Amino acid sequence: MQRLNRALHLLAMAAAATCIAAAIQPAEAQSFTIEQVLGAPFPTQLTSAHQGSRIAWVFAQRGAQNVWIASGPQFVSQQVTHYTGDTGQPIASLRLTPDGASVVYARGTEVNGEQRSASPLGDAKQPKQQVWIAAVTGGEPRLLGDMGCEQEGCEDIEISPDGKWAVWEAKHELWIASTASTTGAASS
C-alpha cells in the first residue's frame, strides 16, 4: 500500500511538472544535439553517513560514473573517484561508512550464464564486477573483492554498524572484508 501511495504521489508530481512545463513557453526555441542529450550529466544513488553531515552520490557525465561527496554545512561537492570514459562499468550499491570517512561501492556489470561480466569496449582483459572502497579525503580506491552477482540490481553491500566491515553476496556465499586493512576479501 505504501508503494502504491508513493507511486501515485510521484505520478501526480510528474503530471503537475508536465502541466507547468507546457504552460511556460520559451521565447525562442532552443535546439540541441542527440550527443548533448545522451551526454547530459545526472546524479543517482544519493546516500548519507549515519554520523555527521556527509552525503555521497554517483554522478554520471558523458558515460563515466564517479562517486562525489559533500559535507555540511556548506555542502561543497568533491569528486572521490576519477574513472574516465564511457567504459560501460556502472557503479552500484553506494554506501558511506557510518563516520562518513569512506565510500564502498560495486563497480562492473552483473555476470551472465557463463559467469562473465559485460565488456562493452571489447577489452582483452575480461572486466569483473568488484567491490571497492575509497577514502573521501583522496587516494586511489582499494579493491575489497569480487562480487559477480547474476541478476539486474542484485548488488547489495552492507556496512557493519561500527564501520569496520563490508559484507556482500558473491558466488552464492557471503563475503566479508575489512574496511581498514589492505588484506582484501575473504569468503565465509
C-alpha atoms as a PDB file:
ATOM      1  CA  MET A   1       0.000   0.000   0.000  1.00  0.00           C
ATOM      2  CA  GLN A   2       2.832   2.365   0.861  1.00  0.00           C
ATOM      3  CA  ARG A   3       4.456   1.715  -2.536  1.00  0.00           C
ATOM      4  CA  LEU A   4       1.164   2.414  -4.280  1.00  0.00           C
ATOM      5  CA  ASN A   5       0.742   5.721  -2.414  1.00  0.00           C
ATOM      6  CA  ARG A   6       4.312   6.701  -3.273  1.00  0.00           C
ATOM      7  CA  ALA A   7       3.779   5.758  -6.942  1.00  0.00           C
ATOM      8  CA  LEU A   8       0.568   7.808  -7.081  1.00  0.00           C
ATOM      9  CA  HIS A   9       2.320  10.748  -5.430  1.00  0.00           C
ATOM     10  CA  LEU A  10       5.168  10.582  -7.964  1.00  0.00           C
ATOM     11  CA  LEU A  11       2.702  10.293 -10.828  1.00  0.00           C
ATOM     12  CA  ALA A  12       0.819  13.358  -9.583  1.00  0.00           C
ATOM     13  CA  MET A  13       4.067  15.312  -9.279  1.00  0.00           C
ATOM     14  CA  ALA A  14       5.099  14.291 -12.807  1.00  0.00           C
ATOM     15  CA  ALA A  15       1.720  15.368 -14.178  1.00  0.00           C
ATOM     16  CA  ALA A  16       1.997  18.714 -12.410  1.00  0.00           C
ATOM     17  CA  ALA A  17       5.518  19.258 -13.747  1.00  0.00           C
ATOM     18  CA  THR A  18       4.318  18.454 -17.272  1.00  0.00           C
ATOM     19  CA  CYS A  19       1.479  20.984 -16.975  1.00  0.00           C
ATOM     20  CA  ILE A  20       3.834  23.660 -15.683  1.00  0.00           C
ATOM     21  CA  ALA A  21       6.368  22.955 -18.426  1.00  0.00           C
ATOM     22  CA  ALA A  22       3.640  23.158 -21.070  1.00  0.00           C
ATOM     23  CA  ALA A  23       2.408  26.476 -19.657  1.00  0.00           C
ATOM     24  CA  ILE A  24       5.853  28.054 -19.722  1.00  0.00           C
ATOM     25  CA  GLN A  25       6.747  28.631 -23.362  1.00  0.00           C
ATOM     26  CA  PRO A  26      10.313  29.801 -24.040  1.00  0.00           C
ATOM     27  CA  ALA A  27      10.677  32.997 -26.032  1.00  0.00           C
ATOM     28  CA  GLU A  28      12.871  31.190 -28.550  1.00  0.00           C
ATOM     29  CA  ALA A  29      13.012  27.522 -29.386  1.00  0.00           C
ATOM     30  CA  GLN A  30      16.355  26.049 -28.418  1.00  0.00           C
ATOM     31  CA  SER A  31      17.986  23.273 -30.368  1.00  0.00           C
ATOM     32  CA  PHE A  32      20.230  20.545 -29.055  1.00  0.00           C
ATOM     33  CA  THR A  33      22.005  17.511 -30.402  1.00  0.00           C
ATOM     34  CA  ILE A  34      21.456  13.857 -29.544  1.00  0.00           C
ATOM     35  CA  GLU A  35      25.036  13.834 -28.188  1.00  0.00           C
ATOM     36  CA  GLN A  36      24.101  16.609 -25.761  1.00  0.00           C
ATOM     37  CA  VAL A  37      21.042  14.678 -24.613  1.00  0.00           C
ATOM     38  CA  LEU A  38      22.907  11.380 -24.180  1.00  0.00           C
ATOM     39  CA  GLY A  39      25.861  13.120 -22.515  1.00  0.00           C
ATOM     40  CA  ALA A  40      23.804  15.140 -20.046  1.00  0.00           C
ATOM     41  CA  PRO A  41      25.176  14.776 -16.515  1.00  0.00           C
ATOM     42  CA  PHE A  42      22.927  13.279 -13.856  1.00  0.00           C
ATOM     43  CA  PRO A  43      23.255  12.188 -10.215  1.00  0.00           C
ATOM     44  CA  THR A  44      21.918   8.922  -8.738  1.00  0.00           C
ATOM     45  CA  GLN A  45      22.179   6.835  -5.555  1.00  0.00           C
ATOM     46  CA  LEU A  46      22.157   9.661  -3.014  1.00  0.00           C
ATOM     47  CA  THR A  47      23.142   8.321   0.423  1.00  0.00           C
ATOM     48  CA  SER A  48      24.221   9.780   3.751  1.00  0.00           C
ATOM     49  CA  ALA A  49      26.504   8.883   6.628  1.00  0.00           C
ATOM     50  CA  HIS A  50      24.836   7.854   9.884  1.00  0.00           C
ATOM     51  CA  GLN A  51      27.026  10.317  11.792  1.00  0.00           C
ATOM     52  CA  GLY A  52      27.813  13.873  10.796  1.00  0.00           C
ATOM     53  CA  SER A  53      26.516  15.679   7.740  1.00  0.00           C
ATOM     54  CA  ARG A  54      28.210  13.986   4.792  1.00  0.00           C
ATOM     55  CA  ILE A  55      26.342  12.810   1.705  1.00  0.00           C
ATOM     56  CA  ALA A  56      27.544  10.845  -1.331  1.00  0.00           C
ATOM     57  CA  TRP A  57      26.155  10.140  -4.776  1.00  0.00           C
ATOM     58  CA  VAL A  58      27.118   8.706  -8.157  1.00  0.00           C
ATOM     59  CA  PHE A  59      27.476  11.323 -10.857  1.00  0.00           C
ATOM     60  CA  ALA A  60      27.396  10.212 -14.492  1.00  0.00           C
ATOM     61  CA  GLN A  61      28.875  12.569 -17.037  1.00  0.00           C
ATOM     62  CA  ARG A  62      29.455  11.624 -20.672  1.00  0.00           C
ATOM     63  CA  GLY A  63      29.184   7.955 -19.719  1.00  0.00           C
ATOM     64  CA  ALA A  64      31.787   7.991 -16.937  1.00  0.00           C
ATOM     65  CA  GLN A  65      30.376   7.250 -13.493  1.00  0.00           C
ATOM     66  CA  ASN A  66      32.143   8.611 -10.414  1.00  0.00           C
ATOM     67  CA  VAL A  67      31.462   8.998  -6.710  1.00  0.00           C
ATOM     68  CA  TRP A  68      31.093  12.506  -5.310  1.00  0.00           C
ATOM     69  CA  ILE A  69      30.616  13.706  -1.728  1.00  0.00           C
ATOM     70  CA  ALA A  70      29.638  16.885   0.072  1.00  0.00           C
ATOM     71  CA  SER A  71      29.849  17.776   3.753  1.00  0.00           C
ATOM     72  CA  GLY A  72      27.755  20.201   5.755  1.00  0.00           C
ATOM     73  CA  PRO A  73      27.168  22.906   6.497  1.00  0.00           C
ATOM     74  CA  GLN A  74      28.402  24.299   3.142  1.00  0.00           C
ATOM     75  CA  PHE A  75      27.884  21.063   1.124  1.00  0.00           C
ATOM     76  CA  VAL A  76      30.537  21.891  -1.458  1.00  0.00           C
ATOM     77  CA  SER A  77      30.845  18.915  -3.815  1.00  0.00           C
ATOM     78  CA  GLN A  78      34.106  16.988  -4.155  1.00  0.00           C
ATOM     79  CA  GLN A  79      34.930  14.166  -6.560  1.00  0.00           C
ATOM     80  CA  VAL A  80      36.174  10.984  -4.822  1.00  0.00           C
ATOM     81  CA  THR A  81      36.768   8.584  -7.730  1.00  0.00           C
ATOM     82  CA  HIS A  82      38.265   9.511 -11.085  1.00  0.00           C
ATOM     83  CA  TYR A  83      37.100   6.955 -13.631  1.00  0.00           C
ATOM     84  CA  THR A  84      37.276   8.234 -17.205  1.00  0.00           C
ATOM     85  CA  GLY A  85      35.407   7.479 -20.394  1.00  0.00           C
ATOM     86  CA  ASP A  86      32.276   5.523 -21.125  1.00  0.00           C
ATOM     87  CA  THR A  87      33.509   2.042 -20.196  1.00  0.00           C
ATOM     88  CA  GLY A  88      30.077   0.519 -19.580  1.00  0.00           C
ATOM     89  CA  GLN A  89      31.103  -0.327 -15.996  1.00  0.00           C
ATOM     90  CA  PRO A  90      28.366   1.078 -13.742  1.00  0.00           C
ATOM     91  CA  ILE A  91      28.686   1.929 -10.058  1.00  0.00           C
ATOM     92  CA  ALA A  92      26.043   0.388  -7.796  1.00  0.00           C
ATOM     93  CA  SER A  93      25.220  -0.109  -4.108  1.00  0.00           C
ATOM     94  CA  LEU A  94      26.962   3.081  -2.993  1.00  0.00           C
ATOM     95  CA  ARG A  95      27.416   3.212   0.797  1.00  0.00           C
ATOM     96  CA  LEU A  96      29.141   5.591   3.191  1.00  0.00           C
ATOM     97  CA  THR A  97      30.775   4.174   6.288  1.00  0.00           C
ATOM     98  CA  PRO A  98      28.888   5.337   9.410  1.00  0.00           C
ATOM     99  CA  ASP A  99      31.505   8.015  10.139  1.00  0.00           C
ATOM    100  CA  GLY A 100      31.442   9.188   6.513  1.00  0.00           C
ATOM    101  CA  ALA A 101      35.205   8.679   6.090  1.00  0.00           C
ATOM    102  CA  SER A 102      34.964   6.170   3.216  1.00  0.00           C
ATOM    103  CA  VAL A 103      32.665   5.138   0.395  1.00  0.00           C
ATOM    104  CA  VAL A 104      32.078   1.495  -0.543  1.00  0.00           C
ATOM    105  CA  TYR A 105      30.569   0.526  -3.884  1.00  0.00           C
ATOM    106  CA  ALA A 106      30.277  -2.185  -6.545  1.00  0.00           C
ATOM    107  CA  ARG A 107      31.699  -1.451  -9.977  1.00  0.00           C
ATOM    108  CA  GLY A 108      31.016  -3.509 -13.088  1.00  0.00           C
ATOM    109  CA  THR A 109      28.114  -5.374 -14.630  1.00  0.00           C
ATOM    110  CA  GLU A 110      26.303  -8.458 -13.437  1.00  0.00           C
ATOM    111  CA  VAL A 111      27.606 -11.776 -14.758  1.00  0.00           C
ATOM    112  CA  ASN A 112      25.847 -13.757 -17.466  1.00  0.00           C
ATOM    113  CA  GLY A 113      25.149 -17.520 -17.554  1.00  0.00           C
ATOM    114  CA  GLU A 114      28.813 -18.133 -18.344  1.00  0.00           C
ATOM    115  CA  GLN A 115      29.869 -16.119 -15.250  1.00  0.00           C
ATOM    116  CA  ARG A 116      31.315 -13.289 -17.342  1.00  0.00           C
ATOM    117  CA  SER A 117      30.716  -9.558 -16.938  1.00  0.00           C
ATOM    118  CA  ALA A 118      29.872  -7.441 -19.959  1.00  0.00           C
ATOM    119  CA  SER A 119      32.774  -5.914 -21.842  1.00  0.00           C
ATOM    120  CA  PRO A 120      31.147  -3.203 -23.990  1.00  0.00           C
ATOM    121  CA  LEU A 121      34.540  -1.984 -25.197  1.00  0.00           C
ATOM    122  CA  GLY A 122      35.715  -5.478 -26.116  1.00  0.00           C
ATOM    123  CA  ASP A 123      38.703  -5.275 -23.774  1.00  0.00           C
ATOM    124  CA  ALA A 124      41.190  -8.139 -23.996  1.00  0.00           C
ATOM    125  CA  LYS A 125      41.202  -8.313 -20.187  1.00  0.00           C
ATOM    126  CA  GLN A 126      37.785  -9.532 -19.032  1.00  0.00           C
ATOM    127  CA  PRO A 127      36.247  -6.956 -16.633  1.00  0.00           C
ATOM    128  CA  LYS A 128      34.825  -8.125 -13.308  1.00  0.00           C
ATOM    129  CA  GLN A 129      32.115  -6.851 -11.038  1.00  0.00           C
ATOM    130  CA  GLN A 130      34.002  -5.941  -7.871  1.00  0.00           C
ATOM    131  CA  VAL A 131      33.590  -4.219  -4.512  1.00  0.00           C
ATOM    132  CA  TRP A 132      35.770  -1.166  -3.858  1.00  0.00           C
ATOM    133  CA  ILE A 133      36.431   1.261  -1.005  1.00  0.00           C
ATOM    134  CA  ALA A 134      37.776   4.801  -1.271  1.00  0.00           C
ATOM    135  CA  ALA A 135      38.664   7.333   1.399  1.00  0.00           C
ATOM    136  CA  VAL A 136      36.746  10.563   0.872  1.00  0.00           C
ATOM    137  CA  THR A 137      39.917  12.531   1.621  1.00  0.00           C
ATOM    138  CA  GLY A 138      41.644  11.245  -1.517  1.00  0.00           C
ATOM    139  CA  GLY A 139      43.821   8.456  -2.778  1.00  0.00           C
ATOM    140  CA  GLU A 140      43.098   5.562  -5.081  1.00  0.00           C
ATOM    141  CA  PRO A 141      40.142   3.226  -4.500  1.00  0.00           C
ATOM    142  CA  ARG A 142      41.135  -0.115  -2.943  1.00  0.00           C
ATOM    143  CA  LEU A 143      39.728  -3.448  -4.113  1.00  0.00           C
ATOM    144  CA  LEU A 144      37.866  -5.362  -1.408  1.00  0.00           C
ATOM    145  CA  GLY A 145      36.914  -8.358  -3.550  1.00  0.00           C
ATOM    146  CA  ASP A 146      34.871  -9.779  -6.403  1.00  0.00           C
ATOM    147  CA  MET A 147      31.080  -9.665  -6.488  1.00  0.00           C
ATOM    148  CA  GLY A 148      29.809 -11.119  -9.746  1.00  0.00           C
ATOM    149  CA  CYS A 149      26.103 -11.200  -8.953  1.00  0.00           C
ATOM    150  CA  GLU A 150      23.812 -12.785 -11.511  1.00  0.00           C
ATOM    151  CA  GLN A 151      20.705 -10.589 -11.748  1.00  0.00           C
ATOM    152  CA  GLU A 152      19.998  -6.992 -12.650  1.00  0.00           C
ATOM    153  CA  GLY A 153      20.036  -4.906  -9.471  1.00  0.00           C
ATOM    154  CA  CYS A 154      21.381  -7.715  -7.282  1.00  0.00           C
ATOM    155  CA  GLU A 155      24.239  -5.655  -5.842  1.00  0.00           C
ATOM    156  CA  ASP A 156      23.846  -5.240  -2.109  1.00  0.00           C
ATOM    157  CA  ILE A 157      26.739  -4.206   0.072  1.00  0.00           C
ATOM    158  CA  GLU A 158      26.166  -3.696   3.772  1.00  0.00           C
ATOM    159  CA  ILE A 159      28.486  -1.929   6.202  1.00  0.00           C
ATOM    160  CA  SER A 160      28.713  -3.066   9.823  1.00  0.00           C
ATOM    161  CA  PRO A 161      27.358  -0.578  12.398  1.00  0.00           C
ATOM    162  CA  ASP A 162      30.905   0.164  13.604  1.00  0.00           C
ATOM    163  CA  GLY A 163      32.077   0.715  10.004  1.00  0.00           C
ATOM    164  CA  LYS A 164      34.875  -1.868  10.228  1.00  0.00           C
ATOM    165  CA  TRP A 165      33.447  -4.460   7.822  1.00  0.00           C
ATOM    166  CA  ALA A 166      31.771  -4.632   4.428  1.00  0.00           C
ATOM    167  CA  VAL A 167      29.607  -7.674   3.648  1.00  0.00           C
ATOM    168  CA  TRP A 168      28.109  -8.789   0.341  1.00  0.00           C
ATOM    169  CA  GLU A 169      26.992 -11.899  -1.510  1.00  0.00           C
ATOM    170  CA  ALA A 170      29.325 -13.324  -4.144  1.00  0.00           C
ATOM    171  CA  LYS A 171      29.041 -16.682  -5.852  1.00  0.00           C
ATOM    172  CA  HIS A 172      26.202 -17.741  -3.519  1.00  0.00           C
ATOM    173  CA  GLU A 173      28.312 -17.103  -0.392  1.00  0.00           C
ATOM    174  CA  LEU A 174      28.663 -14.169   1.972  1.00  0.00           C
ATOM    175  CA  TRP A 175      31.944 -12.317   1.638  1.00  0.00           C
ATOM    176  CA  ILE A 176      33.355 -10.039   4.292  1.00  0.00           C
ATOM    177  CA  ALA A 177      36.228  -7.570   4.056  1.00  0.00           C
ATOM    178  CA  SER A 178      37.796  -5.184   6.494  1.00  0.00           C
ATOM    179  CA  THR A 179      37.268  -1.566   5.552  1.00  0.00           C
ATOM    180  CA  ALA A 180      40.514  -0.664   7.330  1.00  0.00           C
ATOM    181  CA  SER A 181      43.036  -3.292   6.243  1.00  0.00           C
ATOM    182  CA  THR A 182      44.642  -3.950   2.868  1.00  0.00           C
ATOM    183  CA  THR A 183      44.187  -7.714   3.051  1.00  0.00           C
ATOM    184  CA  GLY A 184      41.131  -7.822   0.766  1.00  0.00           C
ATOM    185  CA  ALA A 185      38.084 -10.041   0.990  1.00  0.00           C
ATOM    186  CA  ALA A 186      37.651 -13.471   2.472  1.00  0.00           C
ATOM    187  CA  SER A 187      34.804 -15.850   1.695  1.00  0.00           C
ATOM    188  CA  SER A 188      32.848 -17.205   4.619  1.00  0.00           C
END
